[in-house]
Protein backbone atom coordinates (compact mmCIF):
# COMPACT_ATOMS: atom_id res chain seq x y z
CA MET A 1 -68.64 -89.73 70.21
CA GLN A 2 -71.81 -89.17 72.33
CA ILE A 3 -72.03 -86.36 74.81
CA LYS A 4 -74.16 -86.99 77.91
CA GLN A 5 -75.37 -85.39 81.06
CA LEU A 6 -73.27 -86.29 84.07
CA ASN A 7 -74.61 -87.77 87.17
CA SER A 8 -73.79 -88.12 90.27
CA GLY A 9 -71.00 -91.07 90.94
CA GLN A 10 -70.98 -91.79 87.34
CA ALA A 11 -68.49 -94.56 86.67
CA VAL A 12 -65.76 -93.40 83.93
CA GLY A 13 -62.36 -93.73 82.37
CA ALA A 14 -61.18 -90.61 83.11
CA LEU A 15 -62.01 -87.26 84.91
CA VAL A 16 -61.01 -84.08 83.25
CA LEU A 17 -60.79 -80.81 85.12
CA LEU A 18 -59.50 -77.51 83.62
CA LEU A 19 -58.41 -74.97 85.88
CA ARG A 20 -57.33 -71.38 86.04
CA GLU A 21 -54.57 -70.24 88.38
CA GLU A 22 -57.47 -68.13 90.24
CA ASP A 23 -59.33 -71.52 90.36
CA CYS A 24 -56.92 -73.23 92.13
CA LYS A 25 -56.74 -70.53 94.88
CA ASN A 26 -60.86 -70.89 95.13
CA PHE A 27 -61.54 -74.03 96.71
CA SER A 28 -65.23 -73.62 96.22
CA THR A 29 -64.43 -74.59 92.80
CA PHE A 30 -64.17 -78.18 93.95
CA SER A 31 -67.65 -77.86 95.43
CA GLU A 32 -69.08 -80.68 92.91
CA LEU A 33 -66.16 -83.18 93.58
CA THR A 34 -66.76 -85.89 96.08
CA GLU A 35 -65.22 -85.11 99.45
CA GLY A 36 -62.11 -87.75 99.03
CA LEU A 37 -61.25 -86.14 95.42
CA ARG A 38 -61.93 -82.58 96.73
CA ASP A 39 -59.12 -83.16 99.24
CA PHE A 40 -56.83 -84.98 96.94
CA VAL A 41 -56.79 -82.16 94.55
CA ILE A 42 -56.65 -79.34 97.07
CA GLU A 43 -53.60 -81.43 98.33
CA LEU A 44 -51.78 -81.42 95.02
CA ILE A 45 -52.61 -77.47 94.66
CA SER A 46 -51.37 -76.90 97.97
CA ARG A 47 -48.11 -78.85 97.47
CA LYS A 48 -47.66 -76.89 94.34
CA ASP A 49 -47.74 -80.22 92.24
CA PHE A 50 -50.40 -78.34 90.13
CA GLU A 51 -51.02 -74.55 89.99
CA GLY A 52 -53.09 -74.16 86.60
CA LYS A 53 -50.68 -72.57 84.80
CA LYS A 54 -51.04 -72.35 80.78
CA GLY A 55 -50.27 -75.54 79.16
CA SER A 56 -49.47 -77.36 82.44
CA PHE A 57 -50.74 -80.89 82.52
CA LEU A 58 -50.94 -83.69 85.23
CA ARG A 59 -52.26 -87.32 84.74
CA LEU A 60 -52.80 -89.44 87.92
CA PRO A 61 -54.12 -92.72 88.27
CA VAL A 62 -56.86 -93.32 90.93
CA PHE A 63 -57.70 -96.22 92.93
CA ASN A 64 -61.09 -96.91 94.78
CA SER A 65 -63.14 -94.02 92.67
CA SER A 66 -65.75 -94.14 90.39
CA PHE A 67 -63.00 -92.94 87.28
CA LYS A 68 -59.62 -94.34 86.86
CA ASN A 69 -57.46 -91.34 85.95
CA LEU A 70 -57.75 -87.74 86.87
CA TYR A 71 -56.62 -85.43 84.35
CA LEU A 72 -55.56 -81.69 85.43
CA ILE A 73 -55.32 -79.04 82.64
CA GLY A 74 -54.18 -75.54 83.50
CA LEU A 75 -55.63 -72.69 81.40
CA GLY A 76 -53.69 -70.07 82.96
CA LYS A 77 -54.54 -66.24 84.40
CA LYS A 78 -58.16 -65.86 84.22
CA GLU A 79 -58.10 -62.69 82.17
CA LYS A 80 -56.30 -64.28 79.48
CA CYS A 81 -58.49 -67.52 79.36
CA ASP A 82 -61.01 -67.79 76.38
CA LEU A 83 -62.97 -70.26 74.67
CA ASN A 84 -60.38 -71.01 72.10
CA LEU A 85 -57.70 -72.02 75.02
CA ILE A 86 -60.76 -74.16 76.57
CA ARG A 87 -61.88 -75.78 73.46
CA ASP A 88 -58.11 -76.81 72.75
CA SER A 89 -57.52 -77.92 76.06
CA LEU A 90 -60.70 -80.01 76.11
CA ALA A 91 -59.39 -81.86 72.56
CA TRP A 92 -56.25 -82.23 74.01
CA ALA A 93 -57.54 -83.98 77.06
CA PHE A 94 -60.00 -85.98 75.24
CA ARG A 95 -57.49 -87.09 72.84
CA SER A 96 -55.07 -88.37 75.53
CA ALA A 97 -57.73 -90.26 77.34
CA GLY A 98 -58.78 -91.94 74.39
CA ARG A 99 -55.53 -92.65 73.49
CA GLN A 100 -54.59 -94.17 76.93
CA HIS A 101 -57.59 -96.85 76.57
CA ASN A 102 -60.29 -94.75 78.59
CA ASP A 103 -63.55 -95.26 76.71
CA SER A 104 -65.52 -92.44 78.33
CA ALA A 105 -64.44 -88.88 80.18
CA ALA A 106 -66.33 -86.88 82.42
CA VAL A 107 -65.66 -83.25 82.55
CA ILE A 108 -66.61 -80.55 85.18
CA LEU A 109 -67.40 -77.21 83.35
CA ASN A 110 -69.87 -75.59 85.88
CA HIS A 111 -67.12 -73.19 86.78
CA LEU A 112 -66.02 -71.90 83.70
CA LYS A 113 -69.87 -71.09 82.62
CA GLU A 114 -69.46 -67.75 82.40
CA PHE A 115 -68.12 -68.34 78.86
CA SER A 116 -71.19 -67.85 76.38
CA GLY A 117 -71.37 -70.84 73.96
CA LEU A 118 -69.11 -73.22 76.22
CA SER A 119 -71.47 -76.14 75.40
CA VAL A 120 -70.88 -75.13 71.59
CA THR A 121 -66.90 -75.50 72.20
CA LEU A 122 -67.59 -78.81 74.42
CA GLY A 123 -69.61 -80.07 71.61
CA GLU A 124 -66.62 -79.10 68.85
CA ALA A 125 -63.81 -80.56 71.04
CA GLY A 126 -65.84 -83.88 71.35
CA GLY A 127 -66.13 -84.19 67.65
CA LEU A 128 -62.71 -83.27 66.71
CA CYS A 129 -60.76 -84.68 69.20
CA GLY A 130 -60.43 -88.29 67.76
CA TYR A 131 -60.01 -87.75 64.11
CA VAL A 132 -56.88 -89.52 62.56
CA PHE A 133 -56.64 -90.51 59.00
CA ASP A 134 -55.55 -94.14 59.18
CA SER A 135 -57.61 -95.85 56.87
CA TYR A 136 -54.49 -97.10 54.72
CA LYS A 137 -52.75 -98.44 57.65
CA THR A 138 -52.87 -102.30 58.04
CA LYS A 139 -54.61 -103.10 61.48
CA ASP A 140 -52.27 -105.64 63.01
CA GLU A 141 -52.53 -107.08 66.63
CA ASP A 142 -50.27 -104.00 68.02
CA TYR A 143 -52.97 -101.81 66.34
CA LYS A 144 -54.65 -99.45 69.34
CA PRO A 145 -57.69 -97.59 68.20
CA PHE A 146 -59.10 -94.59 69.60
CA ALA A 147 -61.13 -95.79 72.85
CA LEU A 148 -63.15 -92.97 73.86
CA LYS A 149 -66.56 -93.44 72.84
CA GLU A 150 -68.52 -91.26 75.66
CA ILE A 151 -68.15 -87.71 77.30
CA PHE A 152 -70.14 -86.91 80.27
CA SER A 153 -70.66 -83.10 81.35
CA ASP A 154 -72.18 -81.32 84.43
CA LEU A 155 -72.99 -78.38 81.83
CA TYR A 156 -75.50 -80.20 79.53
CA GLU A 157 -77.26 -78.25 77.05
CA PRO A 158 -78.20 -80.46 74.47
CA GLU A 159 -79.13 -78.24 71.43
CA GLU A 160 -75.70 -76.14 71.76
CA ILE A 161 -73.65 -79.32 71.98
CA SER A 162 -75.53 -80.60 68.90
CA THR A 163 -74.40 -77.60 67.21
CA GLY A 164 -70.78 -77.80 68.10
CA GLU A 165 -70.95 -81.49 67.15
CA LYS A 166 -72.30 -80.63 63.59
CA LEU A 167 -69.78 -78.10 63.40
CA ALA A 168 -67.12 -80.94 63.77
CA ALA A 169 -68.59 -83.41 61.92
CA ALA A 170 -68.44 -80.97 58.68
CA GLN A 171 -64.78 -80.27 59.12
CA ILE A 172 -64.11 -83.84 59.46
CA PHE A 173 -66.15 -84.67 56.58
CA SER A 174 -63.66 -82.38 54.49
CA ARG A 175 -60.66 -83.41 56.49
CA GLU A 176 -61.12 -87.07 55.16
CA LEU A 177 -61.08 -86.03 51.71
CA ILE A 178 -58.42 -83.78 51.66
CA ASN A 179 -56.24 -86.66 53.45
CA GLU A 180 -57.04 -88.77 50.36
CA PRO A 181 -54.08 -88.95 47.73
CA GLY A 182 -54.38 -88.14 44.25
CA CYS A 183 -54.48 -91.58 43.11
CA ALA A 184 -57.95 -92.24 44.75
CA ILE A 185 -59.47 -88.49 44.59
CA ASN A 186 -59.33 -87.08 40.97
CA PRO A 187 -61.28 -84.33 39.36
CA ALA A 188 -64.51 -86.93 38.43
CA VAL A 189 -64.10 -88.58 41.76
CA LEU A 190 -64.67 -85.27 43.61
CA ALA A 191 -67.40 -84.42 41.73
CA GLN A 192 -68.85 -87.94 42.34
CA LYS A 193 -68.60 -87.15 46.05
CA ALA A 194 -70.44 -83.89 45.74
CA GLN A 195 -73.17 -86.03 43.86
CA GLU A 196 -73.45 -88.53 46.76
CA LEU A 197 -73.56 -85.43 49.25
CA ALA A 198 -76.56 -83.97 47.58
CA LYS A 199 -78.44 -87.04 47.28
CA GLU A 200 -78.04 -87.69 50.90
CA TYR A 201 -79.05 -84.00 51.72
CA ASN A 202 -81.53 -83.29 49.09
CA LEU A 203 -79.24 -80.61 47.67
CA GLU A 204 -79.44 -79.63 43.83
CA CYS A 205 -76.54 -80.60 42.09
CA GLU A 206 -74.78 -79.77 38.58
CA VAL A 207 -71.54 -81.14 37.28
CA TRP A 208 -70.21 -79.84 34.19
CA ASP A 209 -67.74 -82.16 32.38
CA GLU A 210 -64.88 -80.90 29.92
CA ASN A 211 -67.15 -80.65 27.05
CA LYS A 212 -69.75 -78.58 28.99
CA LEU A 213 -66.50 -76.33 30.32
CA LYS A 214 -65.71 -75.81 26.81
CA ALA A 215 -69.08 -74.65 26.11
CA GLU A 216 -69.57 -72.44 28.96
CA GLY A 217 -66.15 -70.40 28.01
CA MET A 218 -64.43 -71.74 31.27
CA GLY A 219 -60.88 -71.45 29.87
CA GLY A 220 -59.31 -71.11 33.22
CA ILE A 221 -60.17 -74.68 34.26
CA LEU A 222 -59.59 -76.00 31.13
CA ALA A 223 -56.47 -74.70 30.82
CA VAL A 224 -55.41 -76.21 34.21
CA GLY A 225 -56.67 -79.32 33.58
CA SER A 226 -55.29 -79.46 29.82
CA GLY A 227 -52.11 -81.56 31.01
CA SER A 228 -53.89 -84.39 32.99
CA LYS A 229 -55.55 -87.54 31.62
CA ASN A 230 -58.07 -86.80 34.46
CA PRO A 231 -60.31 -84.23 32.91
CA PRO A 232 -61.31 -81.22 35.03
CA ARG A 233 -65.00 -80.79 36.25
CA PHE A 234 -67.29 -77.78 37.87
CA VAL A 235 -69.53 -78.42 40.66
CA HIS A 236 -72.29 -76.33 41.62
CA LEU A 237 -74.44 -77.29 44.52
CA THR A 238 -77.41 -75.60 46.13
CA TYR A 239 -78.81 -75.49 49.54
CA LYS A 240 -82.30 -73.75 49.66
CA PRO A 241 -83.90 -73.41 53.18
CA LYS A 242 -87.42 -75.46 53.58
CA ASN A 243 -89.50 -72.30 54.10
CA ASN A 244 -88.28 -71.08 50.68
CA ASN A 245 -87.80 -67.37 52.42
CA PRO A 246 -84.10 -67.31 52.90
CA VAL A 247 -82.97 -63.97 55.13
CA LYS A 248 -79.65 -64.17 52.56
CA LYS A 249 -78.08 -65.81 49.40
CA ILE A 250 -74.02 -66.73 49.86
CA VAL A 251 -71.92 -68.13 47.57
CA PHE A 252 -68.85 -70.07 48.62
CA VAL A 253 -66.14 -70.98 46.13
CA GLY A 254 -63.45 -73.67 46.58
CA LYS A 255 -60.19 -74.52 44.66
CA GLY A 256 -60.09 -77.98 43.73
CA ILE A 257 -56.42 -78.84 42.46
CA THR A 258 -56.74 -82.64 42.98
CA PHE A 259 -52.84 -82.98 42.96
CA ASP A 260 -50.70 -79.74 41.58
CA SER A 261 -47.18 -81.07 40.04
CA GLY A 262 -46.95 -77.42 39.23
CA GLY A 263 -47.62 -78.59 35.40
CA LEU A 264 -44.74 -77.58 33.12
CA ASN A 265 -43.38 -75.21 35.46
CA ILE A 266 -43.00 -78.23 37.69
CA LYS A 267 -42.34 -78.03 41.43
CA PRO A 268 -39.31 -79.24 43.16
CA ASP A 269 -39.85 -82.56 44.89
CA ASN A 270 -39.77 -81.70 48.47
CA PHE A 271 -42.63 -78.81 47.42
CA MET A 272 -44.66 -81.54 45.76
CA LEU A 273 -45.07 -83.26 48.94
CA THR A 274 -48.51 -82.37 50.68
CA MET A 275 -49.74 -81.36 47.16
CA LYS A 276 -52.76 -83.66 47.65
CA GLY A 277 -54.05 -80.80 49.91
CA ASP A 278 -54.57 -78.24 47.22
CA LYS A 279 -58.14 -79.52 46.75
CA THR A 280 -58.63 -78.21 50.46
CA GLY A 281 -61.01 -75.17 49.58
CA ALA A 282 -63.09 -77.48 47.45
CA CYS A 283 -63.50 -79.98 49.99
CA ASN A 284 -64.31 -77.39 52.57
CA VAL A 285 -67.13 -76.12 50.43
CA LEU A 286 -68.34 -79.61 50.55
CA GLY A 287 -68.12 -79.32 54.22
CA ILE A 288 -69.98 -76.45 54.38
CA MET A 289 -72.85 -77.49 52.34
CA LYS A 290 -72.71 -80.51 54.59
CA GLY A 291 -73.02 -78.51 57.74
CA VAL A 292 -75.43 -75.88 56.42
CA SER A 293 -78.07 -79.04 55.59
CA GLU A 294 -77.30 -80.65 59.11
CA LEU A 295 -77.85 -77.33 60.89
CA GLY A 296 -81.15 -76.29 58.80
CA LEU A 297 -80.21 -72.82 58.29
CA ASN A 298 -82.55 -70.11 56.94
CA VAL A 299 -80.01 -69.08 54.36
CA GLU A 300 -79.63 -69.83 50.64
CA VAL A 301 -76.21 -71.54 50.13
CA HIS A 302 -74.69 -72.00 47.00
CA GLY A 303 -71.10 -74.16 46.61
CA LEU A 304 -68.93 -74.04 43.78
CA LEU A 305 -66.13 -76.21 43.39
CA ALA A 306 -63.46 -75.60 40.38
CA VAL A 307 -61.58 -79.25 40.05
CA ALA A 308 -58.85 -80.11 37.94
CA GLU A 309 -55.43 -81.78 38.26
CA ASN A 310 -52.11 -79.78 37.47
CA MET A 311 -50.05 -82.35 35.48
CA PRO A 312 -47.23 -81.58 32.85
CA SER A 313 -47.70 -83.64 29.69
CA GLY A 314 -47.37 -82.78 25.92
CA SER A 315 -51.06 -81.38 26.25
CA ALA A 316 -50.27 -79.16 29.18
CA TYR A 317 -50.71 -75.25 29.08
CA ARG A 318 -47.39 -73.55 28.57
CA PRO A 319 -46.06 -70.40 29.54
CA ASP A 320 -46.57 -67.72 27.11
CA ASP A 321 -50.21 -69.33 26.50
CA ILE A 322 -53.02 -66.69 26.36
CA ILE A 323 -56.08 -67.98 27.88
CA LYS A 324 -59.74 -66.38 28.18
CA ALA A 325 -61.79 -66.88 31.08
CA ARG A 326 -65.51 -66.83 31.53
CA ASN A 327 -66.01 -63.31 31.60
CA GLY A 328 -64.09 -62.87 28.62
CA LYS A 329 -60.88 -61.36 29.91
CA THR A 330 -57.66 -62.73 28.55
CA ILE A 331 -54.64 -64.03 30.73
CA GLU A 332 -51.29 -64.27 29.91
CA ILE A 333 -49.41 -67.34 31.54
CA ASN A 334 -45.97 -66.83 32.81
CA ASN A 335 -46.22 -69.55 35.52
CA THR A 336 -47.95 -72.49 35.27
CA ASP A 337 -47.89 -73.33 39.00
CA ALA A 338 -49.71 -70.13 39.62
CA GLU A 339 -53.16 -72.27 38.59
CA GLY A 340 -55.43 -71.93 41.50
CA ARG A 341 -55.98 -68.54 40.51
CA LEU A 342 -56.90 -69.78 36.78
CA VAL A 343 -59.63 -72.17 38.17
CA LEU A 344 -61.09 -69.51 40.70
CA ALA A 345 -61.45 -67.01 37.82
CA ASP A 346 -64.36 -68.90 36.14
CA ALA A 347 -65.78 -69.82 39.59
CA LEU A 348 -65.84 -66.69 40.94
CA CYS A 349 -67.33 -65.36 37.26
CA ILE A 350 -70.37 -67.99 38.05
CA ALA A 351 -70.46 -67.01 41.77
CA SER A 352 -71.14 -63.20 40.43
CA GLU A 353 -73.89 -64.19 37.96
CA LEU A 354 -75.74 -65.70 40.71
CA LYS A 355 -75.89 -62.15 42.10
CA PRO A 356 -75.47 -63.29 46.04
CA ASP A 357 -75.34 -61.28 49.17
CA ALA A 358 -71.57 -62.36 49.42
CA ILE A 359 -68.90 -64.65 47.92
CA ILE A 360 -66.54 -66.22 49.94
CA ASP A 361 -63.61 -68.06 48.17
CA MET A 362 -61.19 -70.43 49.85
CA ALA A 363 -57.97 -71.66 48.49
CA THR A 364 -54.37 -72.89 49.10
CA LEU A 365 -52.87 -70.23 47.13
CA THR A 366 -49.63 -68.70 47.83
CA GLY A 367 -46.62 -69.61 49.84
CA ALA A 368 -46.17 -66.02 50.01
CA CYS A 369 -48.95 -65.55 52.55
CA MET A 370 -47.36 -68.37 54.41
CA VAL A 371 -44.03 -66.79 54.62
CA ALA A 372 -46.34 -63.33 55.84
CA LEU A 373 -48.38 -65.38 58.60
CA GLY A 374 -46.76 -68.54 59.08
CA LYS A 375 -48.48 -72.26 59.42
CA ASN A 376 -51.22 -71.38 61.74
CA ARG A 377 -53.02 -68.32 60.63
CA ALA A 378 -54.28 -67.83 57.20
CA GLY A 379 -54.96 -64.37 54.88
CA LEU A 380 -58.12 -62.73 54.43
CA PHE A 381 -58.52 -60.30 51.68
CA SER A 382 -61.85 -58.34 51.40
CA ASN A 383 -63.41 -55.66 49.29
CA ASN A 384 -65.91 -55.17 52.02
CA ASP A 385 -65.26 -53.75 55.52
CA GLU A 386 -68.73 -55.24 56.80
CA LEU A 387 -68.10 -58.53 55.47
CA ALA A 388 -64.66 -58.76 56.79
CA GLU A 389 -65.59 -57.70 59.90
CA LYS A 390 -68.14 -60.59 60.20
CA VAL A 391 -65.89 -62.90 59.06
CA LEU A 392 -63.39 -61.91 61.26
CA ALA A 393 -65.50 -62.24 64.45
CA SER A 394 -66.45 -65.72 63.25
CA SER A 395 -62.85 -66.46 63.07
CA ASN A 396 -62.21 -65.50 66.53
CA SER A 397 -65.39 -67.25 67.92
CA ARG A 398 -64.14 -70.63 66.36
CA GLY A 399 -60.60 -70.31 66.88
CA GLU A 400 -59.48 -70.30 63.24
CA LEU A 401 -56.95 -67.34 62.94
CA LEU A 402 -57.29 -65.01 60.25
CA TRP A 403 -55.26 -61.74 59.57
CA ARG A 404 -56.71 -58.99 57.09
CA MET A 405 -54.19 -58.16 54.56
CA PRO A 406 -54.24 -55.10 52.36
CA LEU A 407 -55.97 -55.56 48.90
CA GLU A 408 -55.71 -52.12 47.45
CA ASP A 409 -52.20 -51.48 46.05
CA GLU A 410 -51.58 -49.21 43.22
CA PHE A 411 -47.83 -50.54 42.48
CA ILE A 412 -49.08 -54.32 42.50
CA SER A 413 -52.13 -53.27 40.70
CA LYS A 414 -50.19 -51.98 37.76
CA SER A 415 -48.13 -55.46 37.82
CA LEU A 416 -51.16 -57.46 36.71
CA LYS A 417 -51.05 -56.02 33.28
CA SER A 418 -49.54 -57.98 30.49
CA PRO A 419 -48.20 -56.48 27.15
CA CYS A 420 -50.06 -58.79 25.10
CA ALA A 421 -53.48 -59.64 27.03
CA ASP A 422 -55.64 -58.06 29.60
CA LEU A 423 -53.71 -59.60 32.71
CA ILE A 424 -50.94 -61.69 33.80
CA ASN A 425 -51.30 -64.50 36.11
CA CYS A 426 -48.23 -64.19 38.37
CA GLY A 427 -46.37 -61.21 39.41
CA GLU A 428 -43.11 -60.42 40.76
CA ARG A 429 -42.04 -62.72 44.01
CA TYR A 430 -42.56 -59.44 46.54
CA GLY A 431 -46.34 -59.29 47.69
CA GLY A 432 -47.43 -62.48 45.97
CA ALA A 433 -50.36 -63.17 48.08
CA ILE A 434 -51.86 -59.62 47.44
CA PHE A 435 -51.50 -60.17 43.88
CA ALA A 436 -53.10 -63.05 43.94
CA ALA A 437 -56.05 -61.35 45.56
CA LEU A 438 -55.88 -58.50 43.28
CA PHE A 439 -56.12 -60.90 40.60
CA LEU A 440 -59.09 -63.00 41.91
CA LYS A 441 -60.78 -59.31 42.38
CA GLU A 442 -60.71 -58.89 38.58
CA PHE A 443 -63.39 -61.68 38.23
CA VAL A 444 -65.78 -60.48 41.28
CA GLY A 445 -68.94 -58.66 40.13
CA THR A 446 -69.16 -55.90 37.79
CA LYS A 447 -68.78 -52.20 37.76
CA GLU A 448 -72.58 -51.84 37.98
CA ASN A 449 -72.83 -54.71 40.67
CA LYS A 450 -69.94 -54.61 43.35
CA ILE A 451 -70.70 -58.03 45.31
CA PRO A 452 -69.00 -57.80 48.97
CA TRP A 453 -66.39 -60.51 48.52
CA ALA A 454 -63.73 -62.28 50.80
CA HIS A 455 -60.72 -64.56 49.86
CA PHE A 456 -59.27 -66.82 52.09
CA ASP A 457 -55.43 -67.91 51.64
CA ILE A 458 -55.17 -70.68 53.76
CA ALA A 459 -51.93 -72.42 52.21
CA GLY A 460 -50.29 -72.26 55.82
CA PRO A 461 -52.66 -73.66 58.09
CA ASP A 462 -54.10 -76.20 55.44
CA MET A 463 -51.86 -79.09 56.53
CA LYS A 464 -50.54 -79.77 59.97
CA ASP A 465 -46.95 -81.34 60.45
CA LYS A 466 -47.67 -82.15 63.99
CA GLU A 467 -50.81 -81.94 66.28
CA TYR A 468 -52.06 -78.43 67.15
CA GLY A 469 -54.81 -77.48 69.19
CA VAL A 470 -58.15 -79.61 67.96
CA TYR A 471 -56.42 -80.83 64.73
CA SER A 472 -54.48 -83.93 64.35
CA LYS A 473 -51.56 -84.31 61.74
CA GLY A 474 -52.69 -83.96 58.18
CA ALA A 475 -55.49 -81.87 56.79
CA SER A 476 -57.14 -79.05 59.19
CA ALA A 477 -59.94 -78.08 56.77
CA PHE A 478 -58.98 -74.56 58.16
CA GLY A 479 -62.16 -72.24 57.55
CA VAL A 480 -65.17 -74.57 57.54
CA ARG A 481 -66.27 -74.03 61.08
CA THR A 482 -65.64 -70.01 60.46
CA CYS A 483 -67.84 -69.98 57.47
CA LEU A 484 -70.34 -72.24 59.09
CA ASP A 485 -70.55 -69.69 62.09
CA TYR A 486 -70.91 -66.72 60.03
CA VAL A 487 -73.79 -68.12 58.28
CA ILE A 488 -75.13 -69.40 61.45
CA ASN A 489 -74.84 -65.41 62.51
CA LEU A 490 -76.81 -64.18 59.38
């Protein structure tokens, strides 16, 4: 998708107008429209065919004009309008235009220029609007591809638009990997994808196979991957700025279960669908590394991927097994479907050894978090208020909803203890997301070095069963743009 400067009289397939209720009462908003179109829109408003109410939409074919279709999108009341609503509305309008065979669209934004960062938002919406995972569909004569190729805007700030486009591209890169089924992406293949990314962007990349994992004491990853014929992998990517003088060192850690059957504690059939998405955290980290590289940020960034396939077999790890994580802590297994925290435990140990300024992990970790927060908001757990506030600010800026959850809980902390090991991997039903976060906390930093850490439990918003905001159905790669925004602000 190309976003260009809108010129007077530009011939396009669609013209998009985003209007608040107040804009519909102030006809100076339409000063940039041609006289005939301005009169037409004013008449529609005066007849109350369109009043700018939030969520309202009107599409009209237009004849004898420089464009063929007019899209009017309502943003609601001015005081409740924000960039997130504008981003979603733009994406929806562009998606509709592209599906209705418009190869180009123009959007008028000058009346909204009071919103700082509007051009970044335009770049995000333009980049995200047309994505769909259909590479396995047969393209017969009835197949109608997404047509939109060019967007023209009166508000044209190339650098900011480019930033938005790079944020979108990073997220789409992750979405494409997440959407791939388990038969296409196994641990070795995902590690190969990381190596290809490293080669393209000149990143350092180290991959540990099962023998190296054993030598390095990565007991959690080895246990989870023990039931599959596809052995586990650990991937370490490193980005360093060209000036070799980074302002910070940040580590991103991703859970990469390429398919999660539940292991010997096997999932019911309806819960196993979409488990190709259990690699979302790791794929998100790859998207973040791509975005950081393209943006050329002055921060040292490490991406750690803990990758395994959780399958049942005669070699699978069992309930009652006791395993040892990299930091020496022993873990009694009472549920093989609580596997994500085990692979993350090893990865968080490596992250801590890097002695960074902050660690952020992302994982489709618990159904309990989805029960608490629904399908469109993720849980944020953190041991550091300053880090949590910065992450929440980036979340709000990019429209990826996070809610900070409690981390300190004496009762749940006590339930981490096992009678025969240092820890147990799964607590009781209630407070399951908190238990998982407290478990992960056991592998972050040391008593002497308390590293700021944030954990995203993204089990709710990671997969969309229908279109929502900027997202089409399928993988969302929730968190990629939030994390990139956080690094940009450093």
